[in-house]
């Protein structure tokens, strides 16, 4: 699923088994995303709901912000943002297997945590 423009999900849980690409900001209000698929963020993540996915790909071209009051957990996180602004972690982001930084500048890197599987 490729969503152009800003995406907003409210009170609609999503089961992710494939790939969900948000080409701009993704706003989740009471809408959990769960599954083994890939969530590809090209913009910011603003969430009040949990996000639990197989792969979280953060691949914007300008500074990105990840902010969630719900837990964000991925088996694998891949950062692929070549901008000087990189990625700003405003909340804890958890992974169980691997975090690939790919020369992405991470601000708030202490908020990137490995969790037991």
N, C-alpha and C. Protein backbone atom coordinates (compact mmCIF):
# COMPACT_ATOMS: atom_id res chain seq x y z
N UNK A 1 0.85 -1.17 0.00
CA UNK A 1 0.00 0.00 0.00
C UNK A 1 0.89 1.23 0.00
N UNK A 2 0.68 2.12 -0.95
CA UNK A 2 1.43 3.37 -1.05
C UNK A 2 0.44 4.50 -0.85
N UNK A 3 0.70 5.33 0.17
CA UNK A 3 -0.19 6.45 0.46
C UNK A 3 0.55 7.73 0.14
N UNK A 4 0.00 8.51 -0.78
CA UNK A 4 0.59 9.79 -1.16
C UNK A 4 0.03 10.87 -0.23
N UNK A 5 0.85 11.82 0.15
CA UNK A 5 0.38 12.89 1.03
C UNK A 5 0.35 12.43 2.48
N UNK A 6 -0.09 13.33 3.34
CA UNK A 6 -0.14 13.04 4.77
C UNK A 6 -1.21 11.99 5.05
N UNK A 7 -0.85 10.98 5.85
CA UNK A 7 -1.75 9.89 6.18
C UNK A 7 -2.24 10.04 7.61
N UNK A 8 -3.52 9.82 7.81
CA UNK A 8 -4.10 9.91 9.15
C UNK A 8 -5.03 8.73 9.35
N UNK A 9 -4.76 7.93 10.37
CA UNK A 9 -5.62 6.81 10.72
C UNK A 9 -6.17 7.05 12.11
N UNK A 10 -7.48 6.92 12.26
CA UNK A 10 -8.11 7.16 13.54
C UNK A 10 -9.10 6.04 13.84
N UNK A 11 -8.92 5.38 14.97
CA UNK A 11 -9.83 4.32 15.44
C UNK A 11 -9.98 3.18 14.44
N UNK A 12 -8.92 2.93 13.67
CA UNK A 12 -8.93 1.85 12.69
C UNK A 12 -7.66 1.02 12.83
N UNK A 13 -7.71 -0.11 13.55
CA UNK A 13 -6.51 -0.94 13.65
C UNK A 13 -6.12 -1.50 12.29
N UNK A 14 -4.81 -1.62 12.08
CA UNK A 14 -4.28 -2.10 10.81
C UNK A 14 -3.43 -3.34 11.07
N UNK A 15 -3.71 -4.42 10.33
CA UNK A 15 -2.85 -5.60 10.36
C UNK A 15 -1.96 -5.51 9.14
N UNK A 16 -0.66 -5.46 9.37
CA UNK A 16 0.30 -5.24 8.29
C UNK A 16 1.05 -6.53 7.97
N UNK A 17 0.73 -7.11 6.81
CA UNK A 17 1.41 -8.32 6.37
C UNK A 17 2.26 -8.08 5.13
N UNK A 18 2.07 -6.96 4.48
CA UNK A 18 2.84 -6.59 3.30
C UNK A 18 3.67 -5.36 3.60
N UNK A 19 3.63 -4.38 2.70
CA UNK A 19 4.37 -3.13 2.87
C UNK A 19 3.40 -1.96 2.85
N UNK A 20 3.52 -1.10 3.84
CA UNK A 20 2.74 0.14 3.93
C UNK A 20 3.75 1.27 3.83
N UNK A 21 3.67 2.06 2.76
CA UNK A 21 4.58 3.19 2.56
C UNK A 21 3.81 4.49 2.71
N UNK A 22 4.19 5.28 3.70
CA UNK A 22 3.61 6.61 3.90
C UNK A 22 4.59 7.60 3.29
N UNK A 23 4.20 8.23 2.18
CA UNK A 23 5.10 9.14 1.46
C UNK A 23 5.29 10.48 2.17
N UNK A 24 4.42 10.78 3.14
CA UNK A 24 4.52 12.00 3.92
C UNK A 24 4.31 11.60 5.38
N UNK A 25 3.94 12.52 6.23
CA UNK A 25 3.77 12.22 7.65
C UNK A 25 2.67 11.18 7.86
N UNK A 26 2.84 10.36 8.91
CA UNK A 26 1.84 9.36 9.29
C UNK A 26 1.37 9.70 10.69
N UNK A 27 0.07 9.98 10.82
CA UNK A 27 -0.55 10.33 12.09
C UNK A 27 -1.48 9.19 12.50
N UNK A 28 -1.21 8.58 13.65
CA UNK A 28 -2.03 7.48 14.16
C UNK A 28 -2.71 7.93 15.45
N UNK A 29 -4.05 7.91 15.45
CA UNK A 29 -4.82 8.26 16.63
C UNK A 29 -5.72 7.07 16.95
N UNK A 30 -5.44 6.38 18.03
CA UNK A 30 -6.21 5.19 18.41
C UNK A 30 -6.26 4.16 17.29
N UNK A 31 -5.16 4.02 16.56
CA UNK A 31 -5.08 3.08 15.45
C UNK A 31 -3.75 2.34 15.52
N UNK A 32 -3.75 1.18 16.14
CA UNK A 32 -2.54 0.38 16.24
C UNK A 32 -2.21 -0.24 14.88
N UNK A 33 -0.91 -0.36 14.60
CA UNK A 33 -0.45 -1.10 13.43
C UNK A 33 0.32 -2.30 13.96
N UNK A 34 -0.10 -3.50 13.58
CA UNK A 34 0.56 -4.72 14.04
C UNK A 34 0.73 -5.67 12.86
N UNK A 35 1.77 -6.50 12.93
CA UNK A 35 2.00 -7.50 11.90
C UNK A 35 3.47 -7.69 11.63
N UNK A 36 3.77 -8.55 10.72
CA UNK A 36 5.16 -8.88 10.37
C UNK A 36 5.64 -8.16 9.12
N UNK A 37 4.83 -7.27 8.58
CA UNK A 37 5.17 -6.56 7.36
C UNK A 37 6.14 -5.41 7.59
N UNK A 38 6.28 -4.57 6.55
CA UNK A 38 7.21 -3.45 6.56
C UNK A 38 6.44 -2.14 6.57
N UNK A 39 6.77 -1.27 7.52
CA UNK A 39 6.24 0.08 7.55
C UNK A 39 7.35 1.01 7.09
N UNK A 40 7.13 1.64 5.95
CA UNK A 40 8.12 2.54 5.35
C UNK A 40 7.67 3.97 5.57
N UNK A 41 8.47 4.73 6.31
CA UNK A 41 8.15 6.13 6.61
C UNK A 41 9.04 7.04 5.79
N UNK A 42 8.43 7.90 4.99
CA UNK A 42 9.18 8.91 4.24
C UNK A 42 9.06 10.27 4.91
N UNK A 43 8.11 10.39 5.86
CA UNK A 43 7.91 11.61 6.63
C UNK A 43 7.99 11.30 8.11
N UNK A 44 7.34 12.10 8.91
CA UNK A 44 7.36 11.94 10.37
C UNK A 44 6.33 10.89 10.80
N UNK A 45 6.56 10.33 12.00
CA UNK A 45 5.58 9.46 12.65
C UNK A 45 5.10 10.18 13.89
N UNK A 46 3.80 10.41 13.97
CA UNK A 46 3.17 10.99 15.14
C UNK A 46 2.08 10.00 15.55
N UNK A 47 2.27 9.32 16.68
CA UNK A 47 1.34 8.24 17.04
C UNK A 47 0.96 8.28 18.51
N UNK A 48 -0.31 7.98 18.76
CA UNK A 48 -0.77 7.79 20.13
C UNK A 48 -1.13 6.33 20.35
N UNK A 49 -0.77 5.50 19.39
CA UNK A 49 -1.09 4.07 19.41
C UNK A 49 0.17 3.26 19.19
N UNK A 50 0.16 1.99 19.62
CA UNK A 50 1.35 1.15 19.41
C UNK A 50 1.56 0.79 17.94
N UNK A 51 2.83 0.62 17.60
CA UNK A 51 3.24 0.17 16.27
C UNK A 51 4.15 -1.03 16.50
N UNK A 52 3.77 -2.20 16.00
CA UNK A 52 4.56 -3.42 16.14
C UNK A 52 4.64 -4.06 14.76
N UNK A 53 5.84 -4.01 14.16
CA UNK A 53 6.00 -4.48 12.78
C UNK A 53 7.26 -5.33 12.63
N UNK A 54 7.36 -6.01 11.51
CA UNK A 54 8.55 -6.79 11.21
C UNK A 54 9.74 -5.88 10.92
N UNK A 55 9.52 -4.92 10.00
CA UNK A 55 10.59 -3.99 9.62
C UNK A 55 10.04 -2.57 9.64
N UNK A 56 10.80 -1.68 10.26
CA UNK A 56 10.50 -0.25 10.22
C UNK A 56 11.60 0.39 9.39
N UNK A 57 11.23 0.94 8.24
CA UNK A 57 12.17 1.59 7.34
C UNK A 57 11.92 3.09 7.40
N UNK A 58 12.93 3.84 7.86
CA UNK A 58 12.83 5.29 7.98
C UNK A 58 13.72 5.87 6.88
N UNK A 59 13.08 6.34 5.80
CA UNK A 59 13.86 6.65 4.60
C UNK A 59 13.45 7.96 3.94
N UNK A 60 13.33 9.01 4.72
CA UNK A 60 13.01 10.31 4.15
C UNK A 60 14.24 10.97 3.54
N UNK A 61 14.01 12.11 2.90
CA UNK A 61 15.10 12.86 2.28
C UNK A 61 15.40 14.15 3.04
N UNK A 62 14.55 14.46 4.03
CA UNK A 62 14.78 15.61 4.90
C UNK A 62 14.66 15.12 6.34
N UNK A 63 14.93 16.01 7.31
CA UNK A 63 14.87 15.61 8.72
C UNK A 63 13.51 14.98 9.02
N UNK A 64 13.56 13.85 9.76
CA UNK A 64 12.35 13.14 10.17
C UNK A 64 12.28 13.09 11.68
N UNK A 65 11.05 13.13 12.20
CA UNK A 65 10.79 13.04 13.64
C UNK A 65 9.96 11.80 13.90
N UNK A 66 10.35 11.01 14.91
CA UNK A 66 9.56 9.86 15.34
C UNK A 66 9.10 10.15 16.75
N UNK A 67 7.77 10.23 16.94
CA UNK A 67 7.21 10.58 18.23
C UNK A 67 5.94 9.76 18.44
N UNK A 68 5.92 8.98 19.51
CA UNK A 68 4.77 8.13 19.78
C UNK A 68 4.58 7.96 21.28
N UNK A 69 3.34 8.12 21.73
CA UNK A 69 3.05 7.80 23.13
C UNK A 69 2.71 6.32 23.27
N UNK A 70 2.49 5.64 22.14
CA UNK A 70 2.33 4.19 22.12
C UNK A 70 3.70 3.57 21.83
N UNK A 71 3.89 2.34 22.23
CA UNK A 71 5.18 1.67 22.02
C UNK A 71 5.42 1.41 20.54
N UNK A 72 6.63 1.72 20.08
CA UNK A 72 7.05 1.42 18.71
C UNK A 72 8.09 0.29 18.80
N UNK A 73 7.76 -0.86 18.21
CA UNK A 73 8.61 -2.05 18.27
C UNK A 73 8.70 -2.68 16.89
N UNK A 74 9.92 -2.96 16.45
CA UNK A 74 10.13 -3.64 15.17
C UNK A 74 11.18 -4.73 15.37
N UNK A 75 11.08 -5.79 14.61
CA UNK A 75 12.14 -6.79 14.64
C UNK A 75 13.42 -6.14 14.12
N UNK A 76 13.30 -5.43 13.03
CA UNK A 76 14.45 -4.78 12.40
C UNK A 76 14.09 -3.33 12.09
N UNK A 77 15.01 -2.42 12.38
CA UNK A 77 14.83 -1.02 12.01
C UNK A 77 15.95 -0.65 11.05
N UNK A 78 15.58 -0.02 9.95
CA UNK A 78 16.55 0.42 8.96
C UNK A 78 16.38 1.93 8.79
N UNK A 79 17.44 2.66 9.10
CA UNK A 79 17.47 4.09 8.88
C UNK A 79 18.22 4.34 7.58
N UNK A 80 17.60 5.05 6.66
CA UNK A 80 18.23 5.33 5.37
C UNK A 80 17.87 6.75 4.94
N UNK A 81 18.27 7.71 5.77
CA UNK A 81 17.96 9.11 5.53
C UNK A 81 19.28 9.84 5.32
N UNK A 82 19.57 10.26 4.08
CA UNK A 82 20.87 10.86 3.78
C UNK A 82 20.98 12.35 4.15
N UNK A 83 19.91 12.95 4.65
CA UNK A 83 19.95 14.39 4.93
C UNK A 83 20.84 14.71 6.13
N UNK A 84 21.35 15.92 6.16
CA UNK A 84 22.17 16.35 7.30
C UNK A 84 21.33 16.40 8.57
N UNK A 85 20.02 16.62 8.44
CA UNK A 85 19.12 16.67 9.59
C UNK A 85 18.82 15.31 10.17
N UNK A 86 18.98 14.26 9.37
CA UNK A 86 18.82 12.89 9.84
C UNK A 86 17.45 12.60 10.44
N UNK A 87 17.47 11.82 11.52
CA UNK A 87 16.25 11.37 12.19
C UNK A 87 16.33 11.78 13.65
N UNK A 88 15.26 12.38 14.15
CA UNK A 88 15.17 12.80 15.55
C UNK A 88 14.23 11.85 16.26
N UNK A 89 14.75 11.13 17.26
CA UNK A 89 13.93 10.23 18.07
C UNK A 89 13.41 11.02 19.27
N UNK A 90 12.13 11.30 19.27
CA UNK A 90 11.53 12.05 20.37
C UNK A 90 10.92 11.13 21.41
N UNK A 91 10.95 9.85 21.15
CA UNK A 91 10.40 8.85 22.04
C UNK A 91 11.23 7.57 21.89
N UNK A 92 11.08 6.64 22.80
CA UNK A 92 11.83 5.38 22.69
C UNK A 92 11.32 4.56 21.51
N UNK A 93 12.26 4.00 20.77
CA UNK A 93 11.98 3.11 19.64
C UNK A 93 12.71 1.80 19.95
N UNK A 94 12.00 0.68 19.91
CA UNK A 94 12.56 -0.61 20.30
C UNK A 94 12.68 -1.53 19.08
N UNK A 95 13.72 -2.37 19.13
CA UNK A 95 13.88 -3.39 18.09
C UNK A 95 14.34 -4.67 18.77
N UNK A 96 14.06 -5.83 18.15
CA UNK A 96 14.42 -7.11 18.75
C UNK A 96 15.60 -7.79 18.06
N UNK A 97 15.87 -7.46 16.79
CA UNK A 97 16.94 -8.14 16.07
C UNK A 97 18.08 -7.22 15.69
N UNK A 98 17.79 -6.18 14.92
CA UNK A 98 18.87 -5.38 14.36
C UNK A 98 18.41 -3.96 14.05
N UNK A 99 19.32 -3.02 14.26
CA UNK A 99 19.11 -1.64 13.83
C UNK A 99 20.25 -1.26 12.89
N UNK A 100 19.90 -0.94 11.66
CA UNK A 100 20.90 -0.54 10.66
C UNK A 100 20.83 0.97 10.50
N UNK A 101 21.95 1.66 10.75
CA UNK A 101 21.95 3.11 10.70
C UNK A 101 22.28 3.66 9.32
N UNK A 102 23.05 2.94 8.51
CA UNK A 102 23.37 3.34 7.14
C UNK A 102 23.83 4.79 7.02
N UNK A 103 24.72 5.21 7.90
CA UNK A 103 25.28 6.57 7.90
C UNK A 103 24.23 7.65 8.10
N UNK A 104 23.08 7.30 8.67
CA UNK A 104 22.05 8.29 8.97
C UNK A 104 22.39 8.96 10.30
N UNK A 105 22.30 10.28 10.34
CA UNK A 105 22.50 11.01 11.60
C UNK A 105 21.28 10.77 12.48
N UNK A 106 21.52 10.22 13.68
CA UNK A 106 20.44 9.94 14.62
C UNK A 106 20.57 10.90 15.80
N UNK A 107 19.55 11.70 16.05
CA UNK A 107 19.52 12.61 17.19
C UNK A 107 18.59 12.00 18.23
N UNK A 108 19.07 11.90 19.46
CA UNK A 108 18.29 11.21 20.50
C UNK A 108 18.55 9.72 20.44
N UNK A 109 19.74 9.33 19.99
CA UNK A 109 20.08 7.92 19.80
C UNK A 109 19.97 7.06 21.05
N UNK A 110 20.04 7.67 22.24
CA UNK A 110 19.88 6.92 23.48
C UNK A 110 18.47 6.35 23.59
N UNK A 111 17.56 6.84 22.76
CA UNK A 111 16.17 6.36 22.79
C UNK A 111 15.94 5.17 21.85
N UNK A 112 17.00 4.71 21.20
CA UNK A 112 16.94 3.52 20.37
C UNK A 112 17.39 2.35 21.23
N UNK A 113 16.48 1.43 21.53
CA UNK A 113 16.74 0.37 22.50
C UNK A 113 16.51 -1.02 21.92
N UNK A 114 17.46 -1.92 22.21
CA UNK A 114 17.26 -3.32 21.85
C UNK A 114 16.47 -4.00 22.96
N UNK A 115 15.48 -4.76 22.57
CA UNK A 115 14.62 -5.47 23.51
C UNK A 115 14.72 -6.96 23.24
N UNK A 116 14.66 -7.76 24.28
CA UNK A 116 14.71 -9.22 24.10
C UNK A 116 13.51 -9.67 23.27
N UNK A 117 13.77 -10.62 22.39
CA UNK A 117 12.69 -11.12 21.50
C UNK A 117 11.68 -11.93 22.26
